[in-house]
Amino acid sequence: MVSCLSAKPAAAYAVSRPEYFQEGVMRIGFTPAKTPQADSAYTLRRTANGTTVIWRRPGNVGDMDWLDNEARSRADRCAATA
């Protein structure tokens, strides 16, 4: 899951390398190239049943449903291949 989410996406997005905060928890930035103020990220947590993915983006940047949809679609594709 981590390698899939941190893989280079289409040119319209920038992805950061995984940042490890503590054992079993990491963050992967996923930001639209043309909207850097929407610095968004996946937070992955290892659980007993696998991995939980949490999507976060700034709440003060409006009209970003398209970004939420793209992030969810990417996470779903990665989950299907994991």
C-alpha atoms as a PDB file:
ATOM      1  CA  MET A   1       0.000   0.000   0.000  1.00  0.00           C
ATOM      2  CA  VAL A   2       2.792   2.426   0.908  1.00  0.00           C
ATOM      3  CA  SER A   3       4.747   1.864  -2.295  1.00  0.00           C
ATOM      4  CA  CYS A   4       1.608   2.236  -4.391  1.00  0.00           C
ATOM      5  CA  LEU A   5       0.455   5.496  -2.749  1.00  0.00           C
ATOM      6  CA  SER A   6       3.952   6.982  -2.867  1.00  0.00           C
ATOM      7  CA  ALA A   7       4.502   6.050  -6.539  1.00  0.00           C
ATOM      8  CA  LYS A   8       4.767   8.963  -8.957  1.00  0.00           C
ATOM      9  CA  PRO A   9       1.266   9.818 -10.225  1.00  0.00           C
ATOM     10  CA  ALA A  10       0.221  11.668 -13.362  1.00  0.00           C
ATOM     11  CA  ALA A  11       1.966  15.025 -13.847  1.00  0.00           C
ATOM     12  CA  ALA A  12      -0.968  16.888 -12.331  1.00  0.00           C
ATOM     13  CA  TYR A  13       0.048  15.802  -8.800  1.00  0.00           C
ATOM     14  CA  ALA A  14       3.123  15.791  -6.598  1.00  0.00           C
ATOM     15  CA  VAL A  15       3.738  12.967  -4.136  1.00  0.00           C
ATOM     16  CA  SER A  16       6.190  13.075  -1.248  1.00  0.00           C
ATOM     17  CA  ARG A  17       8.245  10.196   0.064  1.00  0.00           C
ATOM     18  CA  PRO A  18       6.709   8.491   3.099  1.00  0.00           C
ATOM     19  CA  GLU A  19       7.469  10.231   6.384  1.00  0.00           C
ATOM     20  CA  TYR A  20       7.511   7.877   9.354  1.00  0.00           C
ATOM     21  CA  PHE A  21       6.190   9.454  12.560  1.00  0.00           C
ATOM     22  CA  GLN A  22       6.251   6.432  14.801  1.00  0.00           C
ATOM     23  CA  GLU A  23       6.136   2.670  14.520  1.00  0.00           C
ATOM     24  CA  GLY A  24       3.287   1.771  12.166  1.00  0.00           C
ATOM     25  CA  VAL A  25       2.280   5.358  11.254  1.00  0.00           C
ATOM     26  CA  MET A  26       3.374   7.284   8.168  1.00  0.00           C
ATOM     27  CA  ARG A  27       2.347  10.243   6.022  1.00  0.00           C
ATOM     28  CA  ILE A  28       2.465  10.532   2.225  1.00  0.00           C
ATOM     29  CA  GLY A  29       1.834  13.971   0.743  1.00  0.00           C
ATOM     30  CA  PHE A  30      -0.436  14.151  -2.324  1.00  0.00           C
ATOM     31  CA  THR A  31      -0.802  17.687  -3.679  1.00  0.00           C
ATOM     32  CA  PRO A  32      -2.153  19.065  -6.955  1.00  0.00           C
ATOM     33  CA  ALA A  33       0.716  20.646  -8.901  1.00  0.00           C
ATOM     34  CA  LYS A  34      -1.363  23.728  -9.769  1.00  0.00           C
ATOM     35  CA  THR A  35      -2.789  24.144  -6.258  1.00  0.00           C
ATOM     36  CA  PRO A  36       0.145  23.867  -3.826  1.00  0.00           C
ATOM     37  CA  GLN A  37      -1.878  25.568  -1.065  1.00  0.00           C
ATOM     38  CA  ALA A  38      -3.940  22.361  -0.937  1.00  0.00           C
ATOM     39  CA  ASP A  39      -1.079  20.464   0.708  1.00  0.00           C
ATOM     40  CA  SER A  40      -2.938  17.227   1.387  1.00  0.00           C
ATOM     41  CA  ALA A  41      -1.811  13.845   2.614  1.00  0.00           C
ATOM     42  CA  TYR A  42      -2.598  10.233   3.291  1.00  0.00           C
ATOM     43  CA  THR A  43      -1.868   8.984   6.799  1.00  0.00           C
ATOM     44  CA  LEU A  44      -1.391   5.235   6.964  1.00  0.00           C
ATOM     45  CA  ARG A  45      -1.671   3.252  10.172  1.00  0.00           C
ATOM     46  CA  ARG A  46      -0.761  -0.388  10.483  1.00  0.00           C
ATOM     47  CA  THR A  47      -3.498  -2.320  12.282  1.00  0.00           C
ATOM     48  CA  ALA A  48      -3.995  -5.940  13.286  1.00  0.00           C
ATOM     49  CA  ASN A  49      -6.184  -6.419  10.192  1.00  0.00           C
ATOM     50  CA  GLY A  50      -3.939  -4.612   7.679  1.00  0.00           C
ATOM     51  CA  THR A  51      -3.637  -0.898   6.961  1.00  0.00           C
ATOM     52  CA  THR A  52      -6.014   1.992   7.592  1.00  0.00           C
ATOM     53  CA  VAL A  53      -5.739   4.980   5.240  1.00  0.00           C
ATOM     54  CA  ILE A  54      -6.903   8.431   6.353  1.00  0.00           C
ATOM     55  CA  TRP A  55      -7.148  11.285   3.826  1.00  0.00           C
ATOM     56  CA  ARG A  56      -6.672  14.866   4.989  1.00  0.00           C
ATOM     57  CA  ARG A  57      -6.599  18.180   3.186  1.00  0.00           C
ATOM     58  CA  PRO A  58      -6.851  21.774   4.406  1.00  0.00           C
ATOM     59  CA  GLY A  59     -10.413  22.592   5.359  1.00  0.00           C
ATOM     60  CA  ASN A  60      -9.966  26.249   4.437  1.00  0.00           C
ATOM     61  CA  VAL A  61      -9.413  25.500   0.729  1.00  0.00           C
ATOM     62  CA  GLY A  62     -12.856  25.215  -0.857  1.00  0.00           C
ATOM     63  CA  ASP A  63     -14.155  23.538  -4.001  1.00  0.00           C
ATOM     64  CA  MET A  64     -11.773  20.616  -3.679  1.00  0.00           C
ATOM     65  CA  ASP A  65     -14.217  17.728  -4.176  1.00  0.00           C
ATOM     66  CA  TRP A  66     -12.291  16.775  -7.314  1.00  0.00           C
ATOM     67  CA  LEU A  67      -9.142  16.318  -5.206  1.00  0.00           C
ATOM     68  CA  ASP A  68     -10.988  14.242  -2.617  1.00  0.00           C
ATOM     69  CA  ASN A  69     -12.400  12.067  -5.409  1.00  0.00           C
ATOM     70  CA  GLU A  70      -8.977  11.577  -7.023  1.00  0.00           C
ATOM     71  CA  ALA A  71      -7.363  10.724  -3.674  1.00  0.00           C
ATOM     72  CA  ARG A  72     -10.087   8.194  -2.852  1.00  0.00           C
ATOM     73  CA  SER A  73      -9.832   6.641  -6.307  1.00  0.00           C
ATOM     74  CA  ARG A  74      -6.046   6.335  -5.966  1.00  0.00           C
ATOM     75  CA  ALA A  75      -6.332   4.740  -2.523  1.00  0.00           C
ATOM     76  CA  ASP A  76      -8.995   2.315  -3.776  1.00  0.00           C
ATOM     77  CA  ARG A  77      -6.787   1.280  -6.723  1.00  0.00           C
ATOM     78  CA  CYS A  78      -3.856   0.736  -4.381  1.00  0.00           C
ATOM     79  CA  ALA A  79      -5.981  -1.309  -1.972  1.00  0.00           C
ATOM     80  CA  ALA A  80      -7.129  -3.531  -4.831  1.00  0.00           C
ATOM     81  CA  THR A  81      -3.525  -4.370  -5.721  1.00  0.00           C
ATOM     82  CA  ALA A  82      -2.282  -4.840  -2.147  1.00  0.00           C
END
